[in-house]
Amino acid sequence: MKLKQVDFSKVLNDDQVYDHMMASYDKLGRDWIVHQWSWMNNVYKAFNDHYKYLIVISLIEKTLQFYDQMNIKYSFDQFYSKQNLQIEKFSITELCEKLKLPKETVRRKVLELDKIGALKRIKKQIIIDRSVFSQVRPERQVKTTAKYIYLISEIFNKDGIYTKKLDPKLIENTINKNFSICWRWFYRMQIPMIIGYHEMFEDVATFHIWGTVAMNQAFNYKKNINDSNVYSITPDYMTFNKGIVTDQENEKTTGVSAMSLSDMTNIPRATVIRKCKYLVDQGYLKPNEKKQYVMTGLNIEKILPYQKQVFKNKAKFLRKMLNLLTIS
């Protein structure tokens, strides 16, 4: 069998990915926000509860880690060929430590998952029954993630740090072929992100609502940049995000009402109103004259430093995917 040689001059490192990603944020920011917002909607939609799904994917990630350690690789179709997935044994304490949640919360959510049949104990086996909850097969998420990786590759091609020409279908096929390892990388990016925002906002639903307001402003800001032909003066991460806040302060953008936030996230309106009040009290959001919610300058001070750490994990995921695509 012919051994494949790896050209290490074409292999990316984390710092390269991070630096070029942050420098070209005007071309990447809106698509990334959509990528994350879409995923958060799917997280909530599975059980109408962010934490139940977070527990499920944490257990799946642990199982994917075992597959990786044992050099076991499953394609997308192989991984979803059965409705039931046997997972590694776990303890409530282990989940609490990983998710940084109170033991009472984790125990209650696990019991609720057991009650609806999503999590089962059959003799000595622990089973996730995929048929019980929606959004099991992430076909759409794979497409969305592949599209974003393609966008990154195009920018890196222009910057001269990545030479392989890709297309979304090739990326999608590579993820599907190497699904168990690629989705472990994906979860290792996403799970810490949610945990961090849970700690910042006190719960995930509050982050989900804040993120929806942020997405609305990013879309409006991007449109205003394009309409005013000043695309090239806001390329980097800090300038782009400062521009979003300044844009709404100049009354060039509209906010989002509580009703619209509920419609967009499927979170009950009463919950949205309560979470928005918290965000206003903490200074993250403010209502405008139309009783729509917009971001405040506090987001620059408090959110952006944490987001940089989120993007460090994002850079690791993208580096692994682009390097895999290089040798595929």
C-alpha atoms as a PDB file:
ATOM      1  CA  MET A   1       0.000   0.000   0.000  1.00  0.00           C
ATOM      2  CA  LYS A   2       1.336   3.409  -0.986  1.00  0.00           C
ATOM      3  CA  LEU A   3       1.915   5.701   1.977  1.00  0.00           C
ATOM      4  CA  LYS A   4       0.580   9.224   1.661  1.00  0.00           C
ATOM      5  CA  GLN A   5       3.146  11.926   2.320  1.00  0.00           C
ATOM      6  CA  VAL A   6       2.050  15.013   4.230  1.00  0.00           C
ATOM      7  CA  ASP A   7       3.422  18.363   3.049  1.00  0.00           C
ATOM      8  CA  PHE A   8       3.872  20.103   6.410  1.00  0.00           C
ATOM      9  CA  SER A   9       4.487  23.445   4.725  1.00  0.00           C
ATOM     10  CA  LYS A  10       0.765  23.465   3.894  1.00  0.00           C
ATOM     11  CA  VAL A  11      -0.400  22.592   7.418  1.00  0.00           C
ATOM     12  CA  LEU A  12      -2.040  25.417   9.375  1.00  0.00           C
ATOM     13  CA  ASN A  13      -1.547  26.178  13.057  1.00  0.00           C
ATOM     14  CA  ASP A  14      -4.019  27.676  15.540  1.00  0.00           C
ATOM     15  CA  ASP A  15      -2.436  31.125  15.613  1.00  0.00           C
ATOM     16  CA  GLN A  16      -2.524  31.472  11.821  1.00  0.00           C
ATOM     17  CA  VAL A  17      -6.206  30.601  11.730  1.00  0.00           C
ATOM     18  CA  TYR A  18      -7.079  32.865  14.648  1.00  0.00           C
ATOM     19  CA  ASP A  19      -5.135  35.908  13.425  1.00  0.00           C
ATOM     20  CA  HIS A  20      -6.431  35.814   9.851  1.00  0.00           C
ATOM     21  CA  MET A  21      -9.974  35.042  10.987  1.00  0.00           C
ATOM     22  CA  MET A  22     -10.017  38.030  13.354  1.00  0.00           C
ATOM     23  CA  ALA A  23      -8.417  40.367  10.798  1.00  0.00           C
ATOM     24  CA  SER A  24     -11.127  39.585   8.208  1.00  0.00           C
ATOM     25  CA  TYR A  25     -14.071  39.645  10.585  1.00  0.00           C
ATOM     26  CA  ASP A  26     -16.184  41.945   8.417  1.00  0.00           C
ATOM     27  CA  LYS A  27     -16.352  39.126   5.870  1.00  0.00           C
ATOM     28  CA  LEU A  28     -16.968  36.422   8.462  1.00  0.00           C
ATOM     29  CA  GLY A  29     -18.843  37.898  11.421  1.00  0.00           C
ATOM     30  CA  ARG A  30     -22.393  37.783  10.160  1.00  0.00           C
ATOM     31  CA  ASP A  31     -22.094  34.246   8.803  1.00  0.00           C
ATOM     32  CA  TRP A  32     -20.615  33.054  12.091  1.00  0.00           C
ATOM     33  CA  ILE A  33     -23.425  34.653  14.098  1.00  0.00           C
ATOM     34  CA  VAL A  34     -25.979  32.939  11.846  1.00  0.00           C
ATOM     35  CA  HIS A  35     -24.091  29.636  12.222  1.00  0.00           C
ATOM     36  CA  GLN A  36     -24.196  29.860  16.018  1.00  0.00           C
ATOM     37  CA  TRP A  37     -27.737  31.215  16.252  1.00  0.00           C
ATOM     38  CA  SER A  38     -29.052  28.426  14.030  1.00  0.00           C
ATOM     39  CA  TRP A  39     -27.294  25.847  16.199  1.00  0.00           C
ATOM     40  CA  MET A  40     -28.668  27.400  19.406  1.00  0.00           C
ATOM     41  CA  ASN A  41     -32.194  27.218  17.981  1.00  0.00           C
ATOM     42  CA  ASN A  42     -31.686  23.511  17.320  1.00  0.00           C
ATOM     43  CA  VAL A  43     -30.306  23.023  20.834  1.00  0.00           C
ATOM     44  CA  TYR A  44     -33.455  24.493  22.341  1.00  0.00           C
ATOM     45  CA  LYS A  45     -35.837  22.875  19.866  1.00  0.00           C
ATOM     46  CA  ALA A  46     -34.789  19.317  20.748  1.00  0.00           C
ATOM     47  CA  PHE A  47     -36.456  19.349  24.191  1.00  0.00           C
ATOM     48  CA  ASN A  48     -37.589  22.975  24.576  1.00  0.00           C
ATOM     49  CA  ASP A  49     -34.818  23.009  27.153  1.00  0.00           C
ATOM     50  CA  HIS A  50     -31.203  23.979  26.518  1.00  0.00           C
ATOM     51  CA  TYR A  51     -29.752  21.991  29.410  1.00  0.00           C
ATOM     52  CA  LYS A  52     -31.286  18.636  28.519  1.00  0.00           C
ATOM     53  CA  TYR A  53     -29.754  18.784  25.066  1.00  0.00           C
ATOM     54  CA  LEU A  54     -26.459  19.981  26.522  1.00  0.00           C
ATOM     55  CA  ILE A  55     -26.395  16.894  28.754  1.00  0.00           C
ATOM     56  CA  VAL A  56     -27.179  14.601  25.806  1.00  0.00           C
ATOM     57  CA  ILE A  57     -24.456  16.018  23.543  1.00  0.00           C
ATOM     58  CA  SER A  58     -21.954  15.996  26.418  1.00  0.00           C
ATOM     59  CA  LEU A  59     -22.548  12.247  26.809  1.00  0.00           C
ATOM     60  CA  ILE A  60     -22.274  11.781  23.038  1.00  0.00           C
ATOM     61  CA  GLU A  61     -19.018  13.776  22.980  1.00  0.00           C
ATOM     62  CA  LYS A  62     -17.609  11.509  25.687  1.00  0.00           C
ATOM     63  CA  THR A  63     -18.500   8.475  23.579  1.00  0.00           C
ATOM     64  CA  LEU A  64     -16.954  10.054  20.477  1.00  0.00           C
ATOM     65  CA  GLN A  65     -13.801  10.622  22.504  1.00  0.00           C
ATOM     66  CA  PHE A  66     -13.684   6.897  23.291  1.00  0.00           C
ATOM     67  CA  TYR A  67     -14.129   6.061  19.582  1.00  0.00           C
ATOM     68  CA  ASP A  68     -11.252   8.389  18.736  1.00  0.00           C
ATOM     69  CA  GLN A  69      -8.981   6.868  21.380  1.00  0.00           C
ATOM     70  CA  MET A  70      -9.744   3.373  20.058  1.00  0.00           C
ATOM     71  CA  ASN A  71      -9.202   4.531  16.462  1.00  0.00           C
ATOM     72  CA  ILE A  72     -12.826   3.734  15.606  1.00  0.00           C
ATOM     73  CA  LYS A  73     -14.260   5.911  12.833  1.00  0.00           C
ATOM     74  CA  TYR A  74     -17.904   6.154  11.810  1.00  0.00           C
ATOM     75  CA  SER A  75     -19.377   7.945   8.830  1.00  0.00           C
ATOM     76  CA  PHE A  76     -22.551  10.002   9.221  1.00  0.00           C
ATOM     77  CA  ASP A  77     -24.721   7.164   7.887  1.00  0.00           C
ATOM     78  CA  GLN A  78     -23.012   4.573  10.077  1.00  0.00           C
ATOM     79  CA  PHE A  79     -23.351   6.723  13.185  1.00  0.00           C
ATOM     80  CA  TYR A  80     -27.075   7.247  12.619  1.00  0.00           C
ATOM     81  CA  SER A  81     -27.854   3.775  11.303  1.00  0.00           C
ATOM     82  CA  LYS A  82     -29.527   2.856  14.606  1.00  0.00           C
ATOM     83  CA  GLN A  83     -32.041   4.732  16.710  1.00  0.00           C
ATOM     84  CA  ASN A  84     -30.201   3.819  19.900  1.00  0.00           C
ATOM     85  CA  LEU A  85     -26.686   4.882  20.820  1.00  0.00           C
ATOM     86  CA  GLN A  86     -24.850   3.112  23.609  1.00  0.00           C
ATOM     87  CA  ILE A  87     -22.805   5.595  25.595  1.00  0.00           C
ATOM     88  CA  GLU A  88     -20.066   5.351  28.170  1.00  0.00           C
ATOM     89  CA  LYS A  89     -21.041   5.197  31.810  1.00  0.00           C
ATOM     90  CA  PHE A  90     -21.261   8.536  33.545  1.00  0.00           C
ATOM     91  CA  SER A  91     -21.867   9.993  36.982  1.00  0.00           C
ATOM     92  CA  ILE A  92     -23.886  13.046  37.959  1.00  0.00           C
ATOM     93  CA  THR A  93     -20.773  14.491  39.580  1.00  0.00           C
ATOM     94  CA  GLU A  94     -18.809  14.069  36.357  1.00  0.00           C
ATOM     95  CA  LEU A  95     -21.512  15.883  34.381  1.00  0.00           C
ATOM     96  CA  CYS A  96     -21.675  18.671  36.970  1.00  0.00           C
ATOM     97  CA  GLU A  97     -17.941  19.234  36.731  1.00  0.00           C
ATOM     98  CA  LYS A  98     -17.963  19.225  32.943  1.00  0.00           C
ATOM     99  CA  LEU A  99     -21.002  21.502  32.547  1.00  0.00           C
ATOM    100  CA  LYS A 100     -20.378  23.626  35.662  1.00  0.00           C
ATOM    101  CA  LEU A 101     -23.978  23.144  36.776  1.00  0.00           C
ATOM    102  CA  PRO A 102     -25.400  22.469  40.254  1.00  0.00           C
ATOM    103  CA  LYS A 103     -25.825  18.792  41.121  1.00  0.00           C
ATOM    104  CA  GLU A 104     -29.556  19.306  41.765  1.00  0.00           C
ATOM    105  CA  THR A 105     -30.032  20.767  38.257  1.00  0.00           C
ATOM    106  CA  VAL A 106     -28.155  17.966  36.497  1.00  0.00           C
ATOM    107  CA  ARG A 107     -29.875  15.239  38.507  1.00  0.00           C
ATOM    108  CA  ARG A 108     -33.311  16.733  37.733  1.00  0.00           C
ATOM    109  CA  LYS A 109     -32.582  17.035  34.010  1.00  0.00           C
ATOM    110  CA  VAL A 110     -31.226  13.476  33.810  1.00  0.00           C
ATOM    111  CA  LEU A 111     -34.356  12.174  35.536  1.00  0.00           C
ATOM    112  CA  GLU A 112     -36.525  14.132  33.092  1.00  0.00           C
ATOM    113  CA  LEU A 113     -34.583  12.673  30.164  1.00  0.00           C
ATOM    114  CA  ASP A 114     -35.099   9.214  31.657  1.00  0.00           C
ATOM    115  CA  LYS A 115     -38.813   9.884  32.132  1.00  0.00           C
ATOM    116  CA  ILE A 116     -39.384  10.769  28.472  1.00  0.00           C
ATOM    117  CA  GLY A 117     -37.265   7.810  27.342  1.00  0.00           C
ATOM    118  CA  ALA A 118     -34.402   9.781  25.812  1.00  0.00           C
ATOM    119  CA  LEU A 119     -31.935   8.275  28.286  1.00  0.00           C
ATOM    120  CA  LYS A 120     -32.381   4.633  29.265  1.00  0.00           C
ATOM    121  CA  ARG A 121     -30.603   2.102  31.420  1.00  0.00           C
ATOM    122  CA  ILE A 122     -30.887  -1.399  29.968  1.00  0.00           C
ATOM    123  CA  LYS A 123     -29.120  -3.862  32.265  1.00  0.00           C
ATOM    124  CA  LYS A 124     -25.564  -2.493  32.417  1.00  0.00           C
ATOM    125  CA  GLN A 125     -25.933  -0.420  29.278  1.00  0.00           C
ATOM    126  CA  ILE A 126     -26.776   3.296  29.076  1.00  0.00           C
ATOM    127  CA  ILE A 127     -28.690   4.121  25.908  1.00  0.00           C
ATOM    128  CA  ILE A 128     -29.643   7.355  24.168  1.00  0.00           C
ATOM    129  CA  ASP A 129     -32.870   6.799  22.256  1.00  0.00           C
ATOM    130  CA  ARG A 130     -32.652   9.173  19.312  1.00  0.00           C
ATOM    131  CA  SER A 131     -36.248   8.582  18.244  1.00  0.00           C
ATOM    132  CA  VAL A 132     -37.535  10.475  21.298  1.00  0.00           C
ATOM    133  CA  PHE A 133     -36.246  13.931  20.379  1.00  0.00           C
ATOM    134  CA  SER A 134     -36.115  16.078  17.265  1.00  0.00           C
ATOM    135  CA  GLN A 135     -33.030  17.408  15.461  1.00  0.00           C
ATOM    136  CA  VAL A 136     -31.271  14.054  15.799  1.00  0.00           C
ATOM    137  CA  ARG A 137     -29.575  13.899  12.412  1.00  0.00           C
ATOM    138  CA  PRO A 138     -27.798  17.226  11.863  1.00  0.00           C
ATOM    139  CA  GLU A 139     -27.927  17.274   8.053  1.00  0.00           C
ATOM    140  CA  ARG A 140     -28.687  20.983   7.971  1.00  0.00           C
ATOM    141  CA  GLN A 141     -26.008  21.787  10.543  1.00  0.00           C
ATOM    142  CA  VAL A 142     -23.408  19.851   8.545  1.00  0.00           C
ATOM    143  CA  LYS A 143     -24.314  21.923   5.463  1.00  0.00           C
ATOM    144  CA  THR A 144     -24.197  25.176   7.449  1.00  0.00           C
ATOM    145  CA  THR A 145     -20.838  24.308   9.003  1.00  0.00           C
ATOM    146  CA  ALA A 146     -19.423  23.205   5.640  1.00  0.00           C
ATOM    147  CA  LYS A 147     -20.516  26.506   4.104  1.00  0.00           C
ATOM    148  CA  TYR A 148     -18.746  28.473   6.836  1.00  0.00           C
ATOM    149  CA  ILE A 149     -15.533  26.421   6.488  1.00  0.00           C
ATOM    150  CA  TYR A 150     -15.658  27.139   2.758  1.00  0.00           C
ATOM    151  CA  LEU A 151     -15.943  30.873   3.452  1.00  0.00           C
ATOM    152  CA  ILE A 152     -12.903  30.660   5.737  1.00  0.00           C
ATOM    153  CA  SER A 153     -10.937  28.737   3.096  1.00  0.00           C
ATOM    154  CA  GLU A 154     -11.723  31.367   0.446  1.00  0.00           C
ATOM    155  CA  ILE A 155     -10.344  34.152   2.646  1.00  0.00           C
ATOM    156  CA  PHE A 156      -7.289  32.095   3.571  1.00  0.00           C
ATOM    157  CA  ASN A 157      -6.701  31.366  -0.136  1.00  0.00           C
ATOM    158  CA  LYS A 158      -6.614  35.114  -0.802  1.00  0.00           C
ATOM    159  CA  ASP A 159      -4.308  35.663   2.179  1.00  0.00           C
ATOM    160  CA  GLY A 160      -1.957  33.017   0.794  1.00  0.00           C
ATOM    161  CA  ILE A 161      -1.884  30.834   3.917  1.00  0.00           C
ATOM    162  CA  TYR A 162      -4.052  28.029   2.511  1.00  0.00           C
ATOM    163  CA  THR A 163      -3.530  26.698  -0.990  1.00  0.00           C
ATOM    164  CA  LYS A 164      -6.135  23.988  -1.483  1.00  0.00           C
ATOM    165  CA  LYS A 165      -9.243  25.089  -3.369  1.00  0.00           C
ATOM    166  CA  LEU A 166     -12.388  23.740  -1.751  1.00  0.00           C
ATOM    167  CA  ASP A 167     -16.096  23.751  -2.413  1.00  0.00           C
ATOM    168  CA  PRO A 168     -18.952  23.328   0.093  1.00  0.00           C
ATOM    169  CA  LYS A 169     -19.934  19.900  -1.232  1.00  0.00           C
ATOM    170  CA  LEU A 170     -16.405  18.526  -0.834  1.00  0.00           C
ATOM    171  CA  ILE A 171     -16.293  19.832   2.734  1.00  0.00           C
ATOM    172  CA  GLU A 172     -19.728  18.381   3.490  1.00  0.00           C
ATOM    173  CA  ASN A 173     -18.708  14.993   2.087  1.00  0.00           C
ATOM    174  CA  THR A 174     -15.492  15.008   4.145  1.00  0.00           C
ATOM    175  CA  ILE A 175     -17.433  15.729   7.348  1.00  0.00           C
ATOM    176  CA  ASN A 176     -19.929  12.970   6.552  1.00  0.00           C
ATOM    177  CA  LYS A 177     -17.154  10.475   5.757  1.00  0.00           C
ATOM    178  CA  ASN A 178     -15.255  11.296   8.978  1.00  0.00           C
ATOM    179  CA  PHE A 179     -18.309  12.195  11.028  1.00  0.00           C
ATOM    180  CA  SER A 180     -17.402  10.694  14.412  1.00  0.00           C
ATOM    181  CA  ILE A 181     -14.110  12.581  14.630  1.00  0.00           C
ATOM    182  CA  CYS A 182     -15.316  15.810  12.979  1.00  0.00           C
ATOM    183  CA  TRP A 183     -18.366  16.051  15.226  1.00  0.00           C
ATOM    184  CA  ARG A 184     -16.255  15.428  18.275  1.00  0.00           C
ATOM    185  CA  TRP A 185     -14.195  18.463  17.213  1.00  0.00           C
ATOM    186  CA  PHE A 186     -17.440  20.361  16.658  1.00  0.00           C
ATOM    187  CA  TYR A 187     -18.771  19.553  20.136  1.00  0.00           C
ATOM    188  CA  ARG A 188     -15.420  20.440  21.715  1.00  0.00           C
ATOM    189  CA  MET A 189     -15.880  23.891  20.206  1.00  0.00           C
ATOM    190  CA  GLN A 190     -19.579  24.311  21.027  1.00  0.00           C
ATOM    191  CA  ILE A 191     -19.989  22.820  24.506  1.00  0.00           C
ATOM    192  CA  PRO A 192     -17.397  25.064  26.233  1.00  0.00           C
ATOM    193  CA  MET A 193     -18.918  28.045  24.430  1.00  0.00           C
ATOM    194  CA  ILE A 194     -22.364  27.382  25.925  1.00  0.00           C
ATOM    195  CA  ILE A 195     -20.901  26.704  29.375  1.00  0.00           C
ATOM    196  CA  GLY A 196     -19.020  29.997  29.294  1.00  0.00           C
ATOM    197  CA  TYR A 197     -22.070  32.002  28.278  1.00  0.00           C
ATOM    198  CA  HIS A 198     -24.126  30.194  30.915  1.00  0.00           C
ATOM    199  CA  GLU A 199     -21.704  31.500  33.529  1.00  0.00           C
ATOM    200  CA  MET A 200     -21.729  35.011  32.056  1.00  0.00           C
ATOM    201  CA  PHE A 201     -25.510  35.385  31.696  1.00  0.00           C
ATOM    202  CA  GLU A 202     -26.538  33.044  34.534  1.00  0.00           C
ATOM    203  CA  ASP A 203     -28.411  30.744  32.146  1.00  0.00           C
ATOM    204  CA  VAL A 204     -28.342  29.645  28.516  1.00  0.00           C
ATOM    205  CA  ALA A 205     -31.791  30.995  27.565  1.00  0.00           C
ATOM    206  CA  THR A 206     -30.629  34.516  28.463  1.00  0.00           C
ATOM    207  CA  PHE A 207     -27.589  34.082  26.196  1.00  0.00           C
ATOM    208  CA  HIS A 208     -29.833  32.734  23.406  1.00  0.00           C
ATOM    209  CA  ILE A 209     -32.025  35.846  23.610  1.00  0.00           C
ATOM    210  CA  TRP A 210     -29.055  38.215  23.812  1.00  0.00           C
ATOM    211  CA  GLY A 211     -27.490  36.460  20.817  1.00  0.00           C
ATOM    212  CA  THR A 212     -30.658  36.973  18.781  1.00  0.00           C
ATOM    213  CA  VAL A 213     -30.520  40.727  19.442  1.00  0.00           C
ATOM    214  CA  ALA A 214     -26.823  40.700  18.497  1.00  0.00           C
ATOM    215  CA  MET A 215     -27.587  38.880  15.245  1.00  0.00           C
ATOM    216  CA  ASN A 216     -30.252  41.428  14.318  1.00  0.00           C
ATOM    217  CA  GLN A 217     -27.837  44.298  14.850  1.00  0.00           C
ATOM    218  CA  ALA A 218     -25.039  42.564  12.943  1.00  0.00           C
ATOM    219  CA  PHE A 219     -27.342  42.106   9.952  1.00  0.00           C
ATOM    220  CA  ASN A 220     -28.459  45.732  10.044  1.00  0.00           C
ATOM    221  CA  TYR A 221     -24.894  46.972  10.446  1.00  0.00           C
ATOM    222  CA  LYS A 222     -23.637  44.815   7.584  1.00  0.00           C
ATOM    223  CA  LYS A 223     -26.405  46.198   5.371  1.00  0.00           C
ATOM    224  CA  ASN A 224     -25.542  49.779   6.332  1.00  0.00           C
ATOM    225  CA  ILE A 225     -21.862  49.156   5.556  1.00  0.00           C
ATOM    226  CA  ASN A 226     -22.700  47.787   2.120  1.00  0.00           C
ATOM    227  CA  ASP A 227     -25.231  50.537   1.383  1.00  0.00           C
ATOM    228  CA  SER A 228     -22.791  53.288   2.343  1.00  0.00           C
ATOM    229  CA  ASN A 229     -19.850  51.666   0.523  1.00  0.00           C
ATOM    230  CA  VAL A 230     -17.544  51.709   3.562  1.00  0.00           C
ATOM    231  CA  TYR A 231     -16.974  47.962   3.563  1.00  0.00           C
ATOM    232  CA  SER A 232     -13.197  48.201   3.678  1.00  0.00           C
ATOM    233  CA  ILE A 233     -12.843  50.417   6.769  1.00  0.00           C
ATOM    234  CA  THR A 234     -14.245  47.906   9.292  1.00  0.00           C
ATOM    235  CA  PRO A 235     -12.348  44.690   8.574  1.00  0.00           C
ATOM    236  CA  ASP A 236     -11.179  43.509  11.981  1.00  0.00           C
ATOM    237  CA  TYR A 237     -13.023  42.020  14.920  1.00  0.00           C
ATOM    238  CA  MET A 238     -12.918  44.951  17.356  1.00  0.00           C
ATOM    239  CA  THR A 239     -13.772  47.599  14.757  1.00  0.00           C
ATOM    240  CA  PHE A 240     -16.668  45.553  13.394  1.00  0.00           C
ATOM    241  CA  ASN A 241     -18.202  44.998  16.829  1.00  0.00           C
ATOM    242  CA  LYS A 242     -17.680  48.582  17.976  1.00  0.00           C
ATOM    243  CA  GLY A 243     -19.377  49.633  14.749  1.00  0.00           C
ATOM    244  CA  ILE A 244     -22.444  47.533  15.580  1.00  0.00           C
ATOM    245  CA  VAL A 245     -22.943  49.362  18.875  1.00  0.00           C
ATOM    246  CA  THR A 246     -22.132  52.796  17.422  1.00  0.00           C
ATOM    247  CA  ASP A 247     -24.514  52.102  14.533  1.00  0.00           C
ATOM    248  CA  GLN A 248     -27.495  51.584  16.836  1.00  0.00           C
ATOM    249  CA  GLU A 249     -26.522  54.607  18.948  1.00  0.00           C
ATOM    250  CA  ASN A 250     -26.733  56.679  15.771  1.00  0.00           C
ATOM    251  CA  GLU A 251     -30.247  55.252  15.293  1.00  0.00           C
ATOM    252  CA  LYS A 252     -29.348  53.611  11.994  1.00  0.00           C
ATOM    253  CA  THR A 253     -30.724  50.233  13.012  1.00  0.00           C
ATOM    254  CA  THR A 254     -33.833  48.765  14.557  1.00  0.00           C
ATOM    255  CA  GLY A 255     -34.091  46.521  17.588  1.00  0.00           C
ATOM    256  CA  VAL A 256     -36.123  43.388  18.245  1.00  0.00           C
ATOM    257  CA  SER A 257     -39.363  43.225  20.215  1.00  0.00           C
ATOM    258  CA  ALA A 258     -40.083  40.589  22.856  1.00  0.00           C
ATOM    259  CA  MET A 259     -42.710  39.046  20.576  1.00  0.00           C
ATOM    260  CA  SER A 260     -40.223  38.802  17.693  1.00  0.00           C
ATOM    261  CA  LEU A 261     -37.580  37.305  19.994  1.00  0.00           C
ATOM    262  CA  SER A 262     -40.074  34.656  21.078  1.00  0.00           C
ATOM    263  CA  ASP A 263     -41.021  33.890  17.467  1.00  0.00           C
ATOM    264  CA  MET A 264     -37.366  33.646  16.387  1.00  0.00           C
ATOM    265  CA  THR A 265     -36.218  31.394  19.236  1.00  0.00           C
ATOM    266  CA  ASN A 266     -39.442  29.523  20.137  1.00  0.00           C
ATOM    267  CA  ILE A 267     -38.790  30.497  23.765  1.00  0.00           C
ATOM    268  CA  PRO A 268     -42.119  31.427  25.469  1.00  0.00           C
ATOM    269  CA  ARG A 269     -42.837  35.148  25.417  1.00  0.00           C
ATOM    270  CA  ALA A 270     -43.165  35.371  29.215  1.00  0.00           C
ATOM    271  CA  THR A 271     -39.681  33.859  29.557  1.00  0.00           C
ATOM    272  CA  VAL A 272     -38.310  36.248  26.933  1.00  0.00           C
ATOM    273  CA  ILE A 273     -39.736  39.272  28.771  1.00  0.00           C
ATOM    274  CA  ARG A 274     -38.237  38.078  32.060  1.00  0.00           C
ATOM    275  CA  LYS A 275     -34.827  37.420  30.520  1.00  0.00           C
ATOM    276  CA  CYS A 276     -34.840  40.764  28.688  1.00  0.00           C
ATOM    277  CA  LYS A 277     -35.558  42.538  31.981  1.00  0.00           C
ATOM    278  CA  TYR A 278     -32.485  40.837  33.452  1.00  0.00           C
ATOM    279  CA  LEU A 279     -30.381  41.886  30.440  1.00  0.00           C
ATOM    280  CA  VAL A 280     -31.616  45.474  30.745  1.00  0.00           C
ATOM    281  CA  ASP A 281     -30.979  45.526  34.505  1.00  0.00           C
ATOM    282  CA  GLN A 282     -27.437  44.206  33.927  1.00  0.00           C
ATOM    283  CA  GLY A 283     -26.821  46.799  31.201  1.00  0.00           C
ATOM    284  CA  TYR A 284     -26.430  44.425  28.233  1.00  0.00           C
ATOM    285  CA  LEU A 285     -29.595  45.612  26.442  1.00  0.00           C
ATOM    286  CA  LYS A 286     -31.770  48.705  26.449  1.00  0.00           C
ATOM    287  CA  PRO A 287     -35.241  49.353  24.986  1.00  0.00           C
ATOM    288  CA  ASN A 288     -35.638  51.988  22.287  1.00  0.00           C
ATOM    289  CA  GLU A 289     -38.654  54.236  21.725  1.00  0.00           C
ATOM    290  CA  LYS A 290     -40.459  51.424  19.907  1.00  0.00           C
ATOM    291  CA  LYS A 291     -39.916  49.076  22.889  1.00  0.00           C
ATOM    292  CA  GLN A 292     -37.460  47.077  20.832  1.00  0.00           C
ATOM    293  CA  TYR A 293     -34.277  45.757  22.424  1.00  0.00           C
ATOM    294  CA  VAL A 294     -30.824  46.867  21.272  1.00  0.00           C
ATOM    295  CA  MET A 295     -27.311  46.266  22.587  1.00  0.00           C
ATOM    296  CA  THR A 296     -25.420  48.775  24.703  1.00  0.00           C
ATOM    297  CA  GLY A 297     -21.766  49.784  24.883  1.00  0.00           C
ATOM    298  CA  LEU A 298     -21.303  47.429  27.852  1.00  0.00           C
ATOM    299  CA  ASN A 299     -21.108  44.561  25.363  1.00  0.00           C
ATOM    300  CA  ILE A 300     -17.782  45.901  24.071  1.00  0.00           C
ATOM    301  CA  GLU A 301     -16.372  45.926  27.603  1.00  0.00           C
ATOM    302  CA  LYS A 302     -17.716  42.601  28.915  1.00  0.00           C
ATOM    303  CA  ILE A 303     -18.622  40.304  26.010  1.00  0.00           C
ATOM    304  CA  LEU A 304     -15.837  40.831  23.492  1.00  0.00           C
ATOM    305  CA  PRO A 305     -12.950  39.764  25.777  1.00  0.00           C
ATOM    306  CA  TYR A 306     -14.734  36.458  26.483  1.00  0.00           C
ATOM    307  CA  GLN A 307     -15.616  35.982  22.822  1.00  0.00           C
ATOM    308  CA  LYS A 308     -11.934  36.054  21.972  1.00  0.00           C
ATOM    309  CA  GLN A 309     -11.505  32.875  24.032  1.00  0.00           C
ATOM    310  CA  VAL A 310     -14.495  31.344  22.235  1.00  0.00           C
ATOM    311  CA  PHE A 311     -12.759  32.148  18.954  1.00  0.00           C
ATOM    312  CA  LYS A 312      -9.580  30.438  20.151  1.00  0.00           C
ATOM    313  CA  ASN A 313     -11.624  27.211  20.341  1.00  0.00           C
ATOM    314  CA  LYS A 314     -13.185  28.053  16.996  1.00  0.00           C
ATOM    315  CA  ALA A 315      -9.701  28.451  15.482  1.00  0.00           C
ATOM    316  CA  LYS A 316      -8.745  24.981  16.763  1.00  0.00           C
ATOM    317  CA  PHE A 317     -11.810  23.454  15.130  1.00  0.00           C
ATOM    318  CA  LEU A 318     -11.194  25.241  11.825  1.00  0.00           C
ATOM    319  CA  ARG A 319      -7.495  24.344  11.868  1.00  0.00           C
ATOM    320  CA  LYS A 320      -8.295  20.656  12.324  1.00  0.00           C
ATOM    321  CA  MET A 321     -10.943  20.702   9.598  1.00  0.00           C
ATOM    322  CA  LEU A 322      -8.809  22.585   7.057  1.00  0.00           C
ATOM    323  CA  ASN A 323      -5.817  20.317   7.709  1.00  0.00           C
ATOM    324  CA  LEU A 324      -8.019  17.238   7.327  1.00  0.00           C
ATOM    325  CA  LEU A 325      -9.302  18.631   4.036  1.00  0.00           C
ATOM    326  CA  THR A 326      -5.713  19.285   2.926  1.00  0.00           C
ATOM    327  CA  ILE A 327      -4.745  15.627   3.257  1.00  0.00           C
ATOM    328  CA  SER A 328      -8.092  14.146   2.140  1.00  0.00           C
END
